[in-house]
């Protein structure tokens, strides 16, 4: 090797000297994820982000994150009736150590969808784009299956193509009517018990009896310009008419009357 080619070796430093390993978690902070006030359980979980350093601000790294939470966890219920429905929540603002989230979508778990599809019946699906009163454009997907009439002796329960078309039209009409009449908060309140699906089942009874009718997926296609006061209303704050606050012990949403003041503690 020619002299003077590798300066590092000549000075006496080792070739490829190891950098000091720093644990990346020492540079990170934990933030609480807060669900909107429509859900019982406001404290969804925690998320991790790099601490503010120079021009890289921590809150910018948190905004836009999407969290997927089971409805059973959001409503603090253990029954399987809720656990197959998953809600997506997107972080829109950071206040202190809290990430304030908003509704971002909903879908059913894969195993629930697979378990409903069977032989000897007709599967009917519908897809609707609807706009809420507060400017959100949602795309909703509905699914339903035909079922045998009570007195039927047949092995199958297939619907004719004309009946399928009529049922699909009914599905679209009911979904667009229900969604366009309310704001996003109202839509979420309808999705939690899935009242739209039960309305469709009743309306289609005259065409062909249905079962396993669900709103299987909801996507937020377009959202209006970000408005902090609207987000605070979703979280039950800043409305001026009492509202929903979070219990500090359990983390559950609690209704409070207007002008409520917490009781005075004897000792701290």
C-alpha atoms as a PDB file:
ATOM      1  CA  UNK A   1       0.000   0.000   0.000  1.00  0.00           C
ATOM      2  CA  UNK A   2       1.383   3.420  -0.950  1.00  0.00           C
ATOM      3  CA  UNK A   3       2.370   5.649   1.953  1.00  0.00           C
ATOM      4  CA  UNK A   4      -0.057   8.433   2.796  1.00  0.00           C
ATOM      5  CA  UNK A   5      -3.080   6.859   1.072  1.00  0.00           C
ATOM      6  CA  UNK A   6      -5.004   5.949   4.241  1.00  0.00           C
ATOM      7  CA  UNK A   7      -4.631   8.854   6.659  1.00  0.00           C
ATOM      8  CA  UNK A   8      -6.717   7.172   9.377  1.00  0.00           C
ATOM      9  CA  UNK A   9      -4.354   4.213   9.745  1.00  0.00           C
ATOM     10  CA  UNK A  10      -1.194   6.367   9.812  1.00  0.00           C
ATOM     11  CA  UNK A  11      -2.456   8.517  12.700  1.00  0.00           C
ATOM     12  CA  UNK A  12      -3.157   5.406  14.729  1.00  0.00           C
ATOM     13  CA  UNK A  13      -6.982   5.236  14.711  1.00  0.00           C
ATOM     14  CA  UNK A  14      -8.552   1.819  14.145  1.00  0.00           C
ATOM     15  CA  UNK A  15     -10.130   1.205  10.756  1.00  0.00           C
ATOM     16  CA  UNK A  16     -13.953   1.415  11.042  1.00  0.00           C
ATOM     17  CA  UNK A  17     -13.954   2.438  14.710  1.00  0.00           C
ATOM     18  CA  UNK A  18     -17.432   1.784  16.170  1.00  0.00           C
ATOM     19  CA  UNK A  19     -19.804   4.677  16.867  1.00  0.00           C
ATOM     20  CA  UNK A  20     -21.252   4.926  20.346  1.00  0.00           C
ATOM     21  CA  UNK A  21     -24.615   3.113  20.351  1.00  0.00           C
ATOM     22  CA  UNK A  22     -27.411   5.264  21.802  1.00  0.00           C
ATOM     23  CA  UNK A  23     -30.758   3.743  22.755  1.00  0.00           C
ATOM     24  CA  UNK A  24     -33.287   5.445  20.395  1.00  0.00           C
ATOM     25  CA  UNK A  25     -36.020   5.343  23.075  1.00  0.00           C
ATOM     26  CA  UNK A  26     -34.166   7.942  25.158  1.00  0.00           C
ATOM     27  CA  UNK A  27     -35.095  10.527  22.471  1.00  0.00           C
ATOM     28  CA  UNK A  28     -38.808   9.662  22.427  1.00  0.00           C
ATOM     29  CA  UNK A  29     -41.894  10.763  24.404  1.00  0.00           C
ATOM     30  CA  UNK A  30     -45.169   8.943  25.148  1.00  0.00           C
ATOM     31  CA  UNK A  31     -48.467  10.644  24.228  1.00  0.00           C
ATOM     32  CA  UNK A  32     -52.039   9.616  25.203  1.00  0.00           C
ATOM     33  CA  UNK A  33     -54.528   8.876  22.395  1.00  0.00           C
ATOM     34  CA  UNK A  34     -57.947  10.416  23.139  1.00  0.00           C
ATOM     35  CA  UNK A  35     -61.063   9.125  21.338  1.00  0.00           C
ATOM     36  CA  UNK A  36     -64.011  11.482  20.558  1.00  0.00           C
ATOM     37  CA  UNK A  37     -66.843  11.822  23.097  1.00  0.00           C
ATOM     38  CA  UNK A  38     -69.200   9.459  21.173  1.00  0.00           C
ATOM     39  CA  UNK A  39     -67.316   6.518  22.689  1.00  0.00           C
ATOM     40  CA  UNK A  40     -67.406   5.477  26.351  1.00  0.00           C
ATOM     41  CA  UNK A  41     -63.679   4.793  26.643  1.00  0.00           C
ATOM     42  CA  UNK A  42     -61.840   8.013  25.859  1.00  0.00           C
ATOM     43  CA  UNK A  43     -58.327   6.791  26.728  1.00  0.00           C
ATOM     44  CA  UNK A  44     -57.550   4.496  23.782  1.00  0.00           C
ATOM     45  CA  UNK A  45     -53.843   3.916  24.302  1.00  0.00           C
ATOM     46  CA  UNK A  46     -50.434   5.512  24.019  1.00  0.00           C
ATOM     47  CA  UNK A  47     -48.176   6.395  21.086  1.00  0.00           C
ATOM     48  CA  UNK A  48     -44.492   7.145  20.749  1.00  0.00           C
ATOM     49  CA  UNK A  49     -42.786  10.025  18.913  1.00  0.00           C
ATOM     50  CA  UNK A  50     -39.333  11.626  18.713  1.00  0.00           C
ATOM     51  CA  UNK A  51     -38.929  14.638  21.003  1.00  0.00           C
ATOM     52  CA  UNK A  52     -38.915  18.116  19.438  1.00  0.00           C
ATOM     53  CA  UNK A  53     -35.425  18.776  18.121  1.00  0.00           C
ATOM     54  CA  UNK A  54     -34.581  21.914  16.148  1.00  0.00           C
ATOM     55  CA  UNK A  55     -37.090  22.327  13.314  1.00  0.00           C
ATOM     56  CA  UNK A  56     -38.498  18.797  13.711  1.00  0.00           C
ATOM     57  CA  UNK A  57     -41.527  19.311  15.963  1.00  0.00           C
ATOM     58  CA  UNK A  58     -43.030  16.325  17.788  1.00  0.00           C
ATOM     59  CA  UNK A  59     -46.666  17.315  17.128  1.00  0.00           C
ATOM     60  CA  UNK A  60     -46.046  17.315  13.344  1.00  0.00           C
ATOM     61  CA  UNK A  61     -44.921  13.695  13.612  1.00  0.00           C
ATOM     62  CA  UNK A  62     -48.153  12.777  15.436  1.00  0.00           C
ATOM     63  CA  UNK A  63     -50.693  14.588  13.240  1.00  0.00           C
ATOM     64  CA  UNK A  64     -52.120  12.333  10.567  1.00  0.00           C
ATOM     65  CA  UNK A  65     -51.390   9.085  12.407  1.00  0.00           C
ATOM     66  CA  UNK A  66     -54.254   6.576  12.096  1.00  0.00           C
ATOM     67  CA  UNK A  67     -55.116   4.217  14.961  1.00  0.00           C
ATOM     68  CA  UNK A  68     -57.366   1.187  14.522  1.00  0.00           C
ATOM     69  CA  UNK A  69     -59.388   0.275  17.618  1.00  0.00           C
ATOM     70  CA  UNK A  70     -62.013  -2.413  18.208  1.00  0.00           C
ATOM     71  CA  UNK A  71     -65.477  -1.123  19.150  1.00  0.00           C
ATOM     72  CA  UNK A  72     -65.485  -3.459  22.170  1.00  0.00           C
ATOM     73  CA  UNK A  73     -62.445  -1.578  23.530  1.00  0.00           C
ATOM     74  CA  UNK A  74     -63.972   1.826  22.742  1.00  0.00           C
ATOM     75  CA  UNK A  75     -67.226   0.928  24.522  1.00  0.00           C
ATOM     76  CA  UNK A  76     -65.425  -1.057  27.302  1.00  0.00           C
ATOM     77  CA  UNK A  77     -67.577  -4.134  26.611  1.00  0.00           C
ATOM     78  CA  UNK A  78     -66.374  -7.716  26.475  1.00  0.00           C
ATOM     79  CA  UNK A  79     -69.133  -9.322  24.393  1.00  0.00           C
ATOM     80  CA  UNK A  80     -68.261 -10.634  20.919  1.00  0.00           C
ATOM     81  CA  UNK A  81     -71.136  -8.626  19.415  1.00  0.00           C
ATOM     82  CA  UNK A  82     -68.931  -5.520  19.423  1.00  0.00           C
ATOM     83  CA  UNK A  83     -65.461  -6.937  18.869  1.00  0.00           C
ATOM     84  CA  UNK A  84     -65.717  -7.584  15.096  1.00  0.00           C
ATOM     85  CA  UNK A  85     -66.268  -3.885  14.302  1.00  0.00           C
ATOM     86  CA  UNK A  86     -63.089  -1.783  14.036  1.00  0.00           C
ATOM     87  CA  UNK A  87     -62.966   2.008  14.011  1.00  0.00           C
ATOM     88  CA  UNK A  88     -60.121   4.057  12.549  1.00  0.00           C
ATOM     89  CA  UNK A  89     -59.247   7.259  14.395  1.00  0.00           C
ATOM     90  CA  UNK A  90     -56.913   9.901  12.914  1.00  0.00           C
ATOM     91  CA  UNK A  91     -54.893  12.297  15.086  1.00  0.00           C
ATOM     92  CA  UNK A  92     -55.852  15.866  14.108  1.00  0.00           C
ATOM     93  CA  UNK A  93     -54.399  17.955  16.938  1.00  0.00           C
ATOM     94  CA  UNK A  94     -51.982  17.640  19.866  1.00  0.00           C
ATOM     95  CA  UNK A  95     -52.657  19.432  23.155  1.00  0.00           C
ATOM     96  CA  UNK A  96     -50.118  18.913  25.922  1.00  0.00           C
ATOM     97  CA  UNK A  97     -49.493  15.165  26.022  1.00  0.00           C
ATOM     98  CA  UNK A  98     -52.875  14.311  24.431  1.00  0.00           C
ATOM     99  CA  UNK A  99     -53.513  13.387  20.786  1.00  0.00           C
ATOM    100  CA  UNK A 100     -57.065  14.468  19.879  1.00  0.00           C
ATOM    101  CA  UNK A 101     -58.474  12.076  17.287  1.00  0.00           C
ATOM    102  CA  UNK A 102     -61.386  12.190  14.865  1.00  0.00           C
ATOM    103  CA  UNK A 103     -63.338   9.487  13.003  1.00  0.00           C
ATOM    104  CA  UNK A 104     -61.403   8.222   9.948  1.00  0.00           C
ATOM    105  CA  UNK A 105     -63.217   5.046   8.908  1.00  0.00           C
ATOM    106  CA  UNK A 106     -64.772   1.761   9.969  1.00  0.00           C
ATOM    107  CA  UNK A 107     -64.607  -1.847   8.813  1.00  0.00           C
ATOM    108  CA  UNK A 108     -65.409  -5.381   9.916  1.00  0.00           C
ATOM    109  CA  UNK A 109     -62.780  -7.953  10.826  1.00  0.00           C
ATOM    110  CA  UNK A 110     -61.848 -10.412   8.086  1.00  0.00           C
ATOM    111  CA  UNK A 111     -62.931 -13.486  10.083  1.00  0.00           C
ATOM    112  CA  UNK A 112     -66.444 -12.023  10.575  1.00  0.00           C
ATOM    113  CA  UNK A 113     -66.834 -11.362   6.820  1.00  0.00           C
ATOM    114  CA  UNK A 114     -65.555 -14.835   5.932  1.00  0.00           C
ATOM    115  CA  UNK A 115     -67.865 -16.527   8.445  1.00  0.00           C
ATOM    116  CA  UNK A 116     -70.978 -14.921   6.899  1.00  0.00           C
ATOM    117  CA  UNK A 117     -70.351 -16.114   3.324  1.00  0.00           C
ATOM    118  CA  UNK A 118     -72.008 -19.501   2.853  1.00  0.00           C
ATOM    119  CA  UNK A 119     -73.459 -21.642   0.100  1.00  0.00           C
ATOM    120  CA  UNK A 120     -77.125 -21.821  -0.948  1.00  0.00           C
ATOM    121  CA  UNK A 121     -77.834 -18.102  -0.423  1.00  0.00           C
ATOM    122  CA  UNK A 122     -77.427 -14.859  -2.383  1.00  0.00           C
ATOM    123  CA  UNK A 123     -74.890 -12.210  -1.326  1.00  0.00           C
ATOM    124  CA  UNK A 124     -76.002  -8.621  -1.997  1.00  0.00           C
ATOM    125  CA  UNK A 125     -73.635  -5.643  -1.769  1.00  0.00           C
ATOM    126  CA  UNK A 126     -74.135  -1.906  -2.259  1.00  0.00           C
ATOM    127  CA  UNK A 127     -71.781   1.082  -2.251  1.00  0.00           C
ATOM    128  CA  UNK A 128     -72.869   4.693  -1.698  1.00  0.00           C
ATOM    129  CA  UNK A 129     -71.091   8.056  -1.606  1.00  0.00           C
ATOM    130  CA  UNK A 130     -72.901  10.440   0.746  1.00  0.00           C
ATOM    131  CA  UNK A 131     -72.125  13.886   2.151  1.00  0.00           C
ATOM    132  CA  UNK A 132     -72.809  14.801   5.781  1.00  0.00           C
ATOM    133  CA  UNK A 133     -74.225  18.176   6.855  1.00  0.00           C
ATOM    134  CA  UNK A 134     -70.782  19.328   8.065  1.00  0.00           C
ATOM    135  CA  UNK A 135     -69.031  18.671   4.736  1.00  0.00           C
ATOM    136  CA  UNK A 136     -67.543  15.169   5.069  1.00  0.00           C
ATOM    137  CA  UNK A 137     -67.872  12.919   2.011  1.00  0.00           C
ATOM    138  CA  UNK A 138     -68.184   9.286   3.131  1.00  0.00           C
ATOM    139  CA  UNK A 139     -68.193   6.100   1.080  1.00  0.00           C
ATOM    140  CA  UNK A 140     -70.269   3.392   2.750  1.00  0.00           C
ATOM    141  CA  UNK A 141     -70.344  -0.290   1.789  1.00  0.00           C
ATOM    142  CA  UNK A 142     -73.280  -2.466   2.786  1.00  0.00           C
ATOM    143  CA  UNK A 143     -73.520  -6.257   2.740  1.00  0.00           C
ATOM    144  CA  UNK A 144     -76.506  -8.584   3.222  1.00  0.00           C
ATOM    145  CA  UNK A 145     -77.526 -12.197   2.637  1.00  0.00           C
ATOM    146  CA  UNK A 146     -80.845 -13.787   1.747  1.00  0.00           C
ATOM    147  CA  UNK A 147     -82.403 -16.208   4.223  1.00  0.00           C
ATOM    148  CA  UNK A 148     -85.051 -18.893   3.984  1.00  0.00           C
ATOM    149  CA  UNK A 149     -88.652 -18.049   4.683  1.00  0.00           C
ATOM    150  CA  UNK A 150     -89.971 -19.661   7.868  1.00  0.00           C
ATOM    151  CA  UNK A 151     -92.232 -22.128   6.028  1.00  0.00           C
ATOM    152  CA  UNK A 152     -89.739 -22.924   3.232  1.00  0.00           C
ATOM    153  CA  UNK A 153     -88.778 -26.556   2.540  1.00  0.00           C
ATOM    154  CA  UNK A 154     -86.187 -25.695  -0.131  1.00  0.00           C
ATOM    155  CA  UNK A 155     -82.497 -26.225   0.436  1.00  0.00           C
ATOM    156  CA  UNK A 156     -81.564 -22.919  -1.242  1.00  0.00           C
ATOM    157  CA  UNK A 157     -82.764 -19.333  -0.867  1.00  0.00           C
ATOM    158  CA  UNK A 158     -81.557 -17.589  -4.020  1.00  0.00           C
ATOM    159  CA  UNK A 159     -83.052 -14.210  -4.952  1.00  0.00           C
ATOM    160  CA  UNK A 160     -83.869 -13.360  -8.567  1.00  0.00           C
ATOM    161  CA  UNK A 161     -81.736 -10.698 -10.264  1.00  0.00           C
ATOM    162  CA  UNK A 162     -84.635  -8.220 -10.242  1.00  0.00           C
ATOM    163  CA  UNK A 163     -85.091  -8.733  -6.482  1.00  0.00           C
ATOM    164  CA  UNK A 164     -81.342  -8.203  -5.969  1.00  0.00           C
ATOM    165  CA  UNK A 165     -81.538  -4.931  -7.923  1.00  0.00           C
ATOM    166  CA  UNK A 166     -84.519  -3.773  -5.852  1.00  0.00           C
ATOM    167  CA  UNK A 167     -82.790  -4.646  -2.567  1.00  0.00           C
ATOM    168  CA  UNK A 168     -79.605  -2.853  -3.682  1.00  0.00           C
ATOM    169  CA  UNK A 169     -81.630   0.252  -4.589  1.00  0.00           C
ATOM    170  CA  UNK A 170     -83.345   0.165  -1.156  1.00  0.00           C
ATOM    171  CA  UNK A 171     -79.926  -0.143   0.542  1.00  0.00           C
ATOM    172  CA  UNK A 172     -78.547   2.872  -1.345  1.00  0.00           C
ATOM    173  CA  UNK A 173     -81.642   5.006  -0.679  1.00  0.00           C
ATOM    174  CA  UNK A 174     -81.685   4.288   3.074  1.00  0.00           C
ATOM    175  CA  UNK A 175     -77.913   4.841   3.531  1.00  0.00           C
ATOM    176  CA  UNK A 176     -77.836   8.144   1.606  1.00  0.00           C
ATOM    177  CA  UNK A 177     -80.969   9.383   3.441  1.00  0.00           C
ATOM    178  CA  UNK A 178     -79.568   8.477   6.897  1.00  0.00           C
ATOM    179  CA  UNK A 179     -76.091   9.938   6.281  1.00  0.00           C
ATOM    180  CA  UNK A 180     -77.008  13.159   4.474  1.00  0.00           C
ATOM    181  CA  UNK A 181     -79.438  14.188   7.250  1.00  0.00           C
ATOM    182  CA  UNK A 182     -76.815  14.333  10.054  1.00  0.00           C
ATOM    183  CA  UNK A 183     -73.245  15.479  10.746  1.00  0.00           C
ATOM    184  CA  UNK A 184     -70.223  13.189  11.205  1.00  0.00           C
ATOM    185  CA  UNK A 185     -70.914  12.781  14.935  1.00  0.00           C
ATOM    186  CA  UNK A 186     -74.458  11.645  14.115  1.00  0.00           C
ATOM    187  CA  UNK A 187     -73.164   9.127  11.560  1.00  0.00           C
ATOM    188  CA  UNK A 188     -70.774   7.606  14.128  1.00  0.00           C
ATOM    189  CA  UNK A 189     -73.634   7.408  16.663  1.00  0.00           C
ATOM    190  CA  UNK A 190     -75.599   5.419  14.053  1.00  0.00           C
ATOM    191  CA  UNK A 191     -72.626   3.171  13.213  1.00  0.00           C
ATOM    192  CA  UNK A 192     -71.973   2.140  16.848  1.00  0.00           C
ATOM    193  CA  UNK A 193     -75.278   0.177  17.211  1.00  0.00           C
ATOM    194  CA  UNK A 194     -75.492  -0.271  13.372  1.00  0.00           C
ATOM    195  CA  UNK A 195     -79.038   1.106  13.276  1.00  0.00           C
ATOM    196  CA  UNK A 196     -78.809   1.728   9.493  1.00  0.00           C
ATOM    197  CA  UNK A 197     -78.410  -2.028   8.866  1.00  0.00           C
ATOM    198  CA  UNK A 198     -81.480  -2.897  10.968  1.00  0.00           C
ATOM    199  CA  UNK A 199     -83.504  -0.302   8.993  1.00  0.00           C
ATOM    200  CA  UNK A 200     -82.394  -1.958   5.720  1.00  0.00           C
ATOM    201  CA  UNK A 201     -83.389  -5.428   7.027  1.00  0.00           C
ATOM    202  CA  UNK A 202     -86.895  -4.173   7.880  1.00  0.00           C
ATOM    203  CA  UNK A 203     -87.335  -2.278   4.583  1.00  0.00           C
ATOM    204  CA  UNK A 204     -86.256  -5.246   2.420  1.00  0.00           C
ATOM    205  CA  UNK A 205     -88.463  -7.769   4.236  1.00  0.00           C
ATOM    206  CA  UNK A 206     -91.182  -7.279   1.606  1.00  0.00           C
ATOM    207  CA  UNK A 207     -88.821  -7.963  -1.329  1.00  0.00           C
ATOM    208  CA  UNK A 208     -86.867 -10.931   0.106  1.00  0.00           C
ATOM    209  CA  UNK A 209     -86.069 -11.757   3.762  1.00  0.00           C
ATOM    210  CA  UNK A 210     -82.467 -10.851   4.672  1.00  0.00           C
ATOM    211  CA  UNK A 211     -80.083 -11.651   7.525  1.00  0.00           C
ATOM    212  CA  UNK A 212     -76.486 -10.732   8.436  1.00  0.00           C
ATOM    213  CA  UNK A 213     -76.978  -7.200   7.093  1.00  0.00           C
ATOM    214  CA  UNK A 214     -74.095  -4.897   8.049  1.00  0.00           C
ATOM    215  CA  UNK A 215     -72.436  -1.649   7.045  1.00  0.00           C
ATOM    216  CA  UNK A 216     -69.197  -3.510   6.367  1.00  0.00           C
ATOM    217  CA  UNK A 217     -66.944  -0.541   5.626  1.00  0.00           C
ATOM    218  CA  UNK A 218     -66.892   3.257   5.831  1.00  0.00           C
ATOM    219  CA  UNK A 219     -64.211   5.431   4.224  1.00  0.00           C
ATOM    220  CA  UNK A 220     -63.762   9.182   4.627  1.00  0.00           C
ATOM    221  CA  UNK A 221     -63.234  10.355   1.032  1.00  0.00           C
ATOM    222  CA  UNK A 222     -63.098  14.132   1.619  1.00  0.00           C
ATOM    223  CA  UNK A 223     -62.959  16.168   4.782  1.00  0.00           C
ATOM    224  CA  UNK A 224     -63.531  19.919   5.214  1.00  0.00           C
ATOM    225  CA  UNK A 225     -60.766  22.338   6.225  1.00  0.00           C
ATOM    226  CA  UNK A 226     -59.497  21.621   9.750  1.00  0.00           C
ATOM    227  CA  UNK A 227     -61.498  23.515  12.399  1.00  0.00           C
ATOM    228  CA  UNK A 228     -60.237  23.304  15.997  1.00  0.00           C
ATOM    229  CA  UNK A 229     -63.557  24.346  17.565  1.00  0.00           C
ATOM    230  CA  UNK A 230     -65.364  21.502  15.720  1.00  0.00           C
ATOM    231  CA  UNK A 231     -62.741  19.033  16.961  1.00  0.00           C
ATOM    232  CA  UNK A 232     -63.112  20.301  20.534  1.00  0.00           C
ATOM    233  CA  UNK A 233     -66.892  19.840  20.228  1.00  0.00           C
ATOM    234  CA  UNK A 234     -66.287  16.236  19.104  1.00  0.00           C
ATOM    235  CA  UNK A 235     -64.298  15.763  22.303  1.00  0.00           C
ATOM    236  CA  UNK A 236     -67.056  17.327  24.415  1.00  0.00           C
ATOM    237  CA  UNK A 237     -65.087  20.480  25.216  1.00  0.00           C
ATOM    238  CA  UNK A 238     -65.685  24.102  24.280  1.00  0.00           C
ATOM    239  CA  UNK A 239     -69.427  23.635  23.649  1.00  0.00           C
ATOM    240  CA  UNK A 240     -70.514  25.859  26.536  1.00  0.00           C
ATOM    241  CA  UNK A 241     -73.442  23.585  27.456  1.00  0.00           C
ATOM    242  CA  UNK A 242     -71.893  21.191  29.888  1.00  0.00           C
ATOM    243  CA  UNK A 243     -71.150  17.985  28.127  1.00  0.00           C
ATOM    244  CA  UNK A 244     -68.854  15.046  28.386  1.00  0.00           C
ATOM    245  CA  UNK A 245     -65.670  14.932  30.449  1.00  0.00           C
ATOM    246  CA  UNK A 246     -63.296  12.102  31.203  1.00  0.00           C
ATOM    247  CA  UNK A 247     -63.257  10.390  34.599  1.00  0.00           C
ATOM    248  CA  UNK A 248     -59.646  10.710  35.836  1.00  0.00           C
ATOM    249  CA  UNK A 249     -59.705   7.293  37.550  1.00  0.00           C
ATOM    250  CA  UNK A 250     -61.345   5.011  34.969  1.00  0.00           C
ATOM    251  CA  UNK A 251     -60.765   7.089  31.813  1.00  0.00           C
ATOM    252  CA  UNK A 252     -64.430   6.679  30.799  1.00  0.00           C
ATOM    253  CA  UNK A 253     -66.622   9.463  29.361  1.00  0.00           C
ATOM    254  CA  UNK A 254     -68.970  10.953  31.970  1.00  0.00           C
ATOM    255  CA  UNK A 255     -71.893  13.339  31.323  1.00  0.00           C
ATOM    256  CA  UNK A 256     -71.644  16.539  33.385  1.00  0.00           C
ATOM    257  CA  UNK A 257     -74.375  19.191  33.815  1.00  0.00           C
ATOM    258  CA  UNK A 258     -73.713  22.791  32.841  1.00  0.00           C
ATOM    259  CA  UNK A 259     -71.617  24.668  35.401  1.00  0.00           C
ATOM    260  CA  UNK A 260     -70.485  21.458  37.114  1.00  0.00           C
ATOM    261  CA  UNK A 261     -67.709  21.867  39.661  1.00  0.00           C
ATOM    262  CA  UNK A 262     -65.815  18.905  41.112  1.00  0.00           C
ATOM    263  CA  UNK A 263     -66.280  18.220  44.847  1.00  0.00           C
ATOM    264  CA  UNK A 264     -63.782  19.752  47.289  1.00  0.00           C
ATOM    265  CA  UNK A 265     -61.280  17.222  48.593  1.00  0.00           C
ATOM    266  CA  UNK A 266     -60.595  16.992  52.347  1.00  0.00           C
ATOM    267  CA  UNK A 267     -56.957  16.119  51.798  1.00  0.00           C
ATOM    268  CA  UNK A 268     -54.637  15.914  48.832  1.00  0.00           C
END
